[in-house]
N, C-alpha and C. Protein backbone atom coordinates (compact mmCIF):
# COMPACT_ATOMS: atom_id res chain seq x y z
N UNK A 1 -99.11 67.92 -20.91
CA UNK A 1 -98.79 67.77 -22.70
C UNK A 1 -100.15 67.29 -23.66
N UNK A 2 -101.00 67.64 -23.95
CA UNK A 2 -101.95 66.91 -24.47
C UNK A 2 -101.94 66.78 -25.70
N UNK A 3 -102.12 65.63 -26.46
CA UNK A 3 -101.43 64.38 -27.70
C UNK A 3 -103.09 64.79 -28.15
N UNK A 4 -103.30 64.92 -29.66
CA UNK A 4 -104.37 65.15 -30.62
C UNK A 4 -104.14 64.64 -32.01
N UNK A 5 -104.39 63.11 -32.25
CA UNK A 5 -104.11 62.49 -33.76
C UNK A 5 -104.95 62.46 -34.70
N UNK A 6 -104.98 63.19 -35.59
CA UNK A 6 -106.03 62.90 -36.78
C UNK A 6 -105.43 61.87 -38.21
N UNK A 7 -106.13 61.18 -38.88
CA UNK A 7 -105.57 60.58 -39.72
C UNK A 7 -106.48 60.78 -40.85
N UNK A 8 -106.07 60.76 -42.12
CA UNK A 8 -106.96 60.71 -43.08
C UNK A 8 -106.04 59.82 -44.22
N UNK A 9 -106.74 59.08 -44.39
CA UNK A 9 -106.84 58.04 -45.33
C UNK A 9 -105.45 57.01 -44.84
N UNK A 10 -105.61 56.72 -43.38
CA UNK A 10 -104.70 56.13 -42.52
C UNK A 10 -105.24 55.56 -41.58
N UNK A 11 -105.28 53.96 -41.00
CA UNK A 11 -106.60 53.32 -39.99
C UNK A 11 -105.76 53.80 -39.26
N UNK A 12 -106.24 54.40 -37.82
CA UNK A 12 -105.88 54.92 -36.84
C UNK A 12 -106.32 53.89 -35.90
N UNK A 13 -105.56 52.43 -35.72
CA UNK A 13 -106.17 51.20 -34.82
C UNK A 13 -105.10 52.36 -33.23
N UNK A 14 -106.26 51.24 -32.46
CA UNK A 14 -105.51 52.04 -30.87
C UNK A 14 -104.19 51.22 -30.63
N UNK A 15 -103.13 50.59 -31.50
CA UNK A 15 -101.65 50.43 -31.13
C UNK A 15 -101.12 51.19 -31.66
N UNK A 16 -101.36 51.70 -32.83
CA UNK A 16 -101.22 52.77 -33.81
C UNK A 16 -101.08 54.47 -32.98
N UNK A 17 -101.86 54.16 -31.93
CA UNK A 17 -102.38 55.70 -31.79
C UNK A 17 -101.37 55.26 -30.39
N UNK A 18 -101.53 54.48 -29.87
CA UNK A 18 -100.24 53.92 -28.48
C UNK A 18 -98.94 53.94 -28.86
N UNK A 19 -98.53 53.88 -30.09
CA UNK A 19 -96.99 53.69 -30.34
C UNK A 19 -96.73 55.62 -30.78
N UNK A 20 -97.78 56.32 -31.53
CA UNK A 20 -97.70 57.80 -31.71
C UNK A 20 -97.66 58.37 -29.94
N UNK A 21 -98.45 58.04 -29.35
CA UNK A 21 -98.20 58.87 -27.95
C UNK A 21 -97.00 58.34 -27.03
N UNK A 22 -96.05 56.82 -26.92
CA UNK A 22 -95.28 56.57 -26.67
C UNK A 22 -93.67 57.21 -27.22
N UNK A 23 -94.10 57.58 -28.20
CA UNK A 23 -93.30 58.21 -29.23
C UNK A 23 -92.69 59.27 -28.90
N UNK A 24 -94.01 60.44 -28.61
CA UNK A 24 -93.80 61.25 -28.13
C UNK A 24 -93.93 62.00 -26.52
N UNK A 25 -93.90 60.80 -26.19
CA UNK A 25 -93.79 60.95 -24.76
C UNK A 25 -91.72 60.90 -24.95
N UNK A 26 -91.31 60.15 -25.31
CA UNK A 26 -90.22 59.88 -25.34
C UNK A 26 -88.95 61.39 -25.50
N UNK A 27 -89.74 61.77 -27.09
CA UNK A 27 -89.48 62.73 -28.26
C UNK A 27 -89.34 64.16 -27.26
N UNK A 28 -90.78 64.31 -26.70
CA UNK A 28 -90.84 65.67 -25.87
C UNK A 28 -91.46 65.57 -24.44
N UNK A 29 -90.74 64.54 -23.67
CA UNK A 29 -91.30 64.41 -22.13
C UNK A 29 -90.19 65.08 -21.65
N UNK A 30 -88.85 65.10 -21.79
CA UNK A 30 -88.57 66.48 -20.86
C UNK A 30 -88.66 67.98 -21.42
N UNK A 31 -89.62 68.09 -22.02
CA UNK A 31 -89.75 69.16 -22.67
C UNK A 31 -91.65 69.58 -21.92
N UNK A 32 -91.77 68.55 -21.37
CA UNK A 32 -93.41 68.62 -20.92
C UNK A 32 -94.12 70.03 -20.32
N UNK A 33 -93.27 69.92 -19.71
CA UNK A 33 -93.64 71.48 -18.60
C UNK A 33 -93.58 72.87 -19.50
N UNK A 34 -93.06 73.00 -20.77
CA UNK A 34 -92.91 73.62 -22.23
C UNK A 34 -94.32 73.63 -23.44
N UNK A 35 -94.23 72.66 -23.33
CA UNK A 35 -95.02 72.05 -24.21
C UNK A 35 -96.60 71.49 -24.36
N UNK A 36 -97.54 72.78 -24.48
CA UNK A 36 -98.56 72.57 -23.72
C UNK A 36 -99.75 71.72 -24.63
N UNK A 37 -99.27 71.94 -26.19
CA UNK A 37 -100.47 70.96 -26.84
C UNK A 37 -99.28 70.22 -28.17
N UNK A 38 -99.96 68.74 -28.53
CA UNK A 38 -99.39 68.27 -29.69
C UNK A 38 -100.60 67.78 -30.85
N UNK A 39 -100.37 68.16 -31.87
CA UNK A 39 -101.27 68.17 -32.84
C UNK A 39 -100.72 66.96 -33.59
N UNK A 40 -100.85 65.68 -34.34
CA UNK A 40 -100.28 64.89 -35.27
C UNK A 40 -101.31 64.92 -36.06
N UNK A 41 -101.06 64.90 -37.62
CA UNK A 41 -101.49 64.30 -38.65
C UNK A 41 -101.12 63.21 -39.36
N UNK A 42 -101.94 62.21 -39.50
CA UNK A 42 -100.97 61.13 -40.27
C UNK A 42 -102.21 61.27 -41.55
N UNK A 43 -101.08 60.68 -43.08
CA UNK A 43 -101.84 60.80 -43.79
C UNK A 43 -101.15 59.84 -45.05
N UNK A 44 -101.84 59.11 -46.18
CA UNK A 44 -101.36 58.47 -46.99
C UNK A 44 -101.51 59.23 -48.49
N UNK A 45 -100.32 59.40 -48.86
CA UNK A 45 -100.48 60.01 -49.97
C UNK A 45 -100.86 59.84 -51.11
N UNK A 46 -100.10 58.73 -51.30
CA UNK A 46 -100.74 57.95 -52.97
C UNK A 46 -101.91 57.02 -52.65
N UNK A 47 -102.27 56.78 -51.24
CA UNK A 47 -102.85 55.74 -51.46
C UNK A 47 -102.79 54.20 -51.90
N UNK A 48 -103.13 53.24 -52.28
CA UNK A 48 -102.68 52.22 -52.65
C UNK A 48 -101.95 51.87 -53.62
N UNK A 49 -101.69 52.48 -53.59
CA UNK A 49 -100.51 52.20 -54.84
C UNK A 49 -98.85 52.31 -54.46
N UNK A 50 -98.53 52.53 -52.82
CA UNK A 50 -97.70 52.11 -52.52
C UNK A 50 -96.82 53.24 -52.68
N UNK A 51 -95.50 52.85 -51.96
CA UNK A 51 -93.92 53.42 -52.01
C UNK A 51 -93.83 54.81 -50.90
N UNK A 52 -92.66 55.36 -51.01
CA UNK A 52 -92.64 55.98 -49.69
C UNK A 52 -93.85 57.29 -49.43
N UNK A 53 -94.66 57.14 -49.16
CA UNK A 53 -96.15 57.94 -49.35
C UNK A 53 -96.84 58.24 -48.01
N UNK A 54 -96.43 57.32 -47.65
CA UNK A 54 -96.88 57.98 -45.34
C UNK A 54 -96.00 59.00 -45.04
N UNK A 55 -97.16 60.14 -44.64
CA UNK A 55 -96.92 61.32 -43.91
C UNK A 55 -97.33 61.62 -42.67
N UNK A 56 -96.16 61.95 -42.00
CA UNK A 56 -96.38 62.58 -40.68
C UNK A 56 -96.59 64.09 -39.95
N UNK A 57 -97.17 64.63 -39.87
CA UNK A 57 -96.74 66.23 -39.76
C UNK A 57 -97.38 66.13 -37.99
N UNK A 58 -96.05 66.83 -37.37
CA UNK A 58 -96.85 67.43 -36.01
C UNK A 58 -96.60 69.02 -35.80
N UNK A 59 -97.36 69.12 -35.19
CA UNK A 59 -97.20 70.39 -35.26
C UNK A 59 -97.35 70.68 -32.73
N UNK A 60 -96.58 71.59 -32.63
CA UNK A 60 -96.50 71.39 -31.34
C UNK A 60 -96.82 73.13 -30.73
N UNK A 61 -96.87 73.52 -29.72
CA UNK A 61 -97.56 74.55 -28.65
C UNK A 61 -96.79 74.75 -28.06
N UNK A 62 -95.39 75.85 -27.75
CA UNK A 62 -94.46 75.73 -27.25
C UNK A 62 -94.69 77.09 -26.35
N UNK A 63 -94.76 76.86 -24.74
CA UNK A 63 -95.12 77.58 -23.71
C UNK A 63 -93.88 78.96 -23.74
N UNK A 64 -93.92 80.26 -23.45
CA UNK A 64 -95.21 80.85 -23.36
C UNK A 64 -95.70 81.31 -25.12
N UNK A 65 -95.46 81.85 -26.70
CA UNK A 65 -96.51 81.70 -27.79
C UNK A 65 -95.41 80.80 -28.65
N UNK A 66 -94.83 80.08 -28.85
CA UNK A 66 -94.44 79.90 -29.92
C UNK A 66 -95.29 78.36 -30.49
N UNK A 67 -94.94 78.55 -31.91
CA UNK A 67 -95.99 77.28 -32.49
C UNK A 67 -94.60 76.74 -33.48
N UNK A 68 -94.19 75.18 -33.15
CA UNK A 68 -93.10 74.50 -34.23
C UNK A 68 -94.13 73.27 -34.84
N UNK A 69 -93.22 73.07 -36.08
CA UNK A 69 -93.61 71.76 -37.26
C UNK A 69 -92.80 71.07 -37.45
N UNK A 70 -93.18 69.90 -37.79
CA UNK A 70 -92.47 69.04 -38.02
C UNK A 70 -92.57 68.01 -38.59
N UNK A 71 -92.50 67.43 -40.13
CA UNK A 71 -92.90 66.69 -41.31
C UNK A 71 -91.86 65.71 -41.60
N UNK A 72 -92.89 64.48 -41.26
CA UNK A 72 -91.90 62.94 -42.07
C UNK A 72 -92.36 62.58 -43.06
N UNK A 73 -91.81 61.79 -43.86
CA UNK A 73 -92.13 60.81 -44.84
C UNK A 73 -91.61 59.25 -44.48
N UNK A 74 -92.51 58.90 -45.24
CA UNK A 74 -91.48 57.20 -44.99
C UNK A 74 -92.70 55.94 -45.73
N UNK A 75 -91.72 54.66 -46.01
CA UNK A 75 -92.97 53.84 -46.64
C UNK A 75 -93.76 53.42 -45.73
N UNK A 76 -93.25 53.20 -43.96
CA UNK A 76 -94.67 52.84 -43.10
C UNK A 76 -95.31 54.07 -42.48
N UNK A 77 -95.87 54.54 -41.70
CA UNK A 77 -96.75 55.23 -40.87
C UNK A 77 -95.91 55.61 -39.54
N UNK A 78 -95.05 54.10 -39.19
CA UNK A 78 -94.27 54.09 -38.26
C UNK A 78 -92.96 55.04 -38.14
N UNK A 79 -92.25 54.59 -39.66
CA UNK A 79 -90.65 55.56 -40.33
C UNK A 79 -91.01 57.34 -40.37
N UNK A 80 -92.34 57.79 -40.74
CA UNK A 80 -93.15 58.64 -40.64
C UNK A 80 -92.87 59.10 -38.59
N UNK A 81 -93.42 58.66 -38.73
CA UNK A 81 -93.72 59.12 -37.04
C UNK A 81 -92.57 59.47 -36.60
N UNK A 82 -91.29 58.18 -36.36
CA UNK A 82 -90.43 58.52 -36.00
C UNK A 82 -89.94 59.41 -36.39
N UNK A 83 -89.47 59.97 -37.34
CA UNK A 83 -88.95 60.89 -38.38
C UNK A 83 -89.07 62.61 -37.90
N UNK A 84 -90.81 62.48 -38.28
CA UNK A 84 -91.37 63.94 -37.95
C UNK A 84 -90.53 64.02 -35.90
N UNK A 85 -90.66 62.93 -35.00
CA UNK A 85 -90.82 63.05 -34.15
C UNK A 85 -89.86 63.95 -33.42
N UNK A 86 -88.46 63.30 -33.87
CA UNK A 86 -87.08 63.53 -34.04
C UNK A 86 -86.95 65.33 -34.18
N UNK A 87 -87.52 65.31 -35.39
CA UNK A 87 -87.46 66.76 -36.02
C UNK A 87 -87.85 67.81 -35.44
N UNK A 88 -89.48 67.56 -34.16
CA UNK A 88 -90.25 68.03 -33.61
C UNK A 88 -89.51 68.33 -32.56
N UNK A 89 -88.93 67.26 -31.58
CA UNK A 89 -87.91 67.22 -30.85
C UNK A 89 -86.62 68.07 -30.42
N UNK A 90 -86.26 68.16 -31.80
CA UNK A 90 -85.12 69.11 -32.43
C UNK A 90 -85.49 70.58 -32.26
N UNK A 91 -86.79 71.09 -33.28
CA UNK A 91 -87.03 72.31 -32.92
C UNK A 91 -87.78 72.91 -32.16
N UNK A 92 -87.79 71.71 -30.96
CA UNK A 92 -88.17 72.87 -29.50
C UNK A 92 -86.64 72.52 -28.26
N UNK A 93 -86.15 71.83 -28.76
CA UNK A 93 -85.25 71.68 -28.22
C UNK A 93 -84.12 73.39 -28.19
N UNK A 94 -84.09 73.61 -29.41
CA UNK A 94 -83.16 74.67 -30.34
C UNK A 94 -84.08 75.81 -29.99
N UNK A 95 -85.47 76.33 -30.03
CA UNK A 95 -86.09 77.09 -29.58
C UNK A 95 -86.25 77.43 -28.04
N UNK A 96 -85.81 76.60 -27.23
CA UNK A 96 -86.38 76.56 -25.64
C UNK A 96 -84.36 77.16 -25.53
N UNK A 97 -83.54 77.05 -26.07
CA UNK A 97 -82.08 76.65 -26.47
C UNK A 97 -81.76 78.30 -25.84
N UNK A 98 -82.51 78.84 -27.20
CA UNK A 98 -82.30 80.20 -27.87
C UNK A 98 -83.07 80.92 -27.37
N UNK A 99 -84.23 80.83 -26.60
CA UNK A 99 -84.63 81.73 -25.95
C UNK A 99 -84.06 82.18 -24.11
N UNK A 100 -83.79 80.70 -23.77
CA UNK A 100 -82.61 80.56 -22.73
C UNK A 100 -80.67 81.59 -22.37
N UNK A 101 -80.57 81.58 -24.29
CA UNK A 101 -79.17 82.43 -24.49
C UNK A 101 -79.89 83.45 -23.87
N UNK A 102 -80.76 84.14 -24.85
CA UNK A 102 -81.21 85.26 -24.84
C UNK A 102 -81.49 85.91 -23.72
N UNK A 103 -81.74 85.40 -22.87
CA UNK A 103 -82.25 86.00 -21.51
C UNK A 103 -80.98 85.78 -20.74
N UNK A 104 -80.38 85.79 -20.93
CA UNK A 104 -78.96 85.31 -20.36
C UNK A 104 -78.14 86.12 -20.61
N UNK A 105 -78.33 86.65 -22.05
CA UNK A 105 -77.40 87.73 -22.60
C UNK A 105 -78.03 88.92 -22.43
N UNK A 106 -79.20 89.09 -22.23
CA UNK A 106 -79.44 90.52 -21.36
C UNK A 106 -79.68 90.27 -20.79
N UNK A 107 -79.83 89.93 -19.81
CA UNK A 107 -79.72 89.93 -18.50
C UNK A 107 -77.75 90.83 -17.89
N UNK A 108 -76.87 90.01 -18.39
CA UNK A 108 -75.67 90.23 -18.55
C UNK A 108 -75.88 91.92 -19.02
N UNK A 109 -76.18 92.66 -19.79
CA UNK A 109 -76.50 93.89 -20.70
C UNK A 109 -76.93 94.60 -18.92
N UNK A 110 -77.89 94.50 -18.98
CA UNK A 110 -78.41 94.92 -17.73
C UNK A 110 -78.15 94.91 -16.26
N UNK A 111 -77.07 94.31 -16.32
CA UNK A 111 -76.18 94.38 -15.21
C UNK A 111 -75.16 95.48 -15.01
N UNK A 112 -74.77 95.96 -16.29
CA UNK A 112 -73.21 96.30 -16.20
C UNK A 112 -73.32 97.67 -16.09
């Protein structure tokens, strides 16, 4: 699983990049054989004005040909990353479960 991080209006410190990688490994680690690439985009929407304006958007490429997207907002960039990581994990799990269920049902019909 390859992880790319892009930041706009956010300082991407090495500790933040490490946190993002660790959080995504925790959220998507069990799907690492099926998730090819993960792209993380960080943005500060309001700039220095403050408020709940930190945004994280995660795009995951799931093999063989699906793309899943999740976003999170928070008062801190860490909160936004955690929210988006939870959402992308849920979306990937749902997609893979749906594919497995469809494959099993199709196999049962063919064997009848």
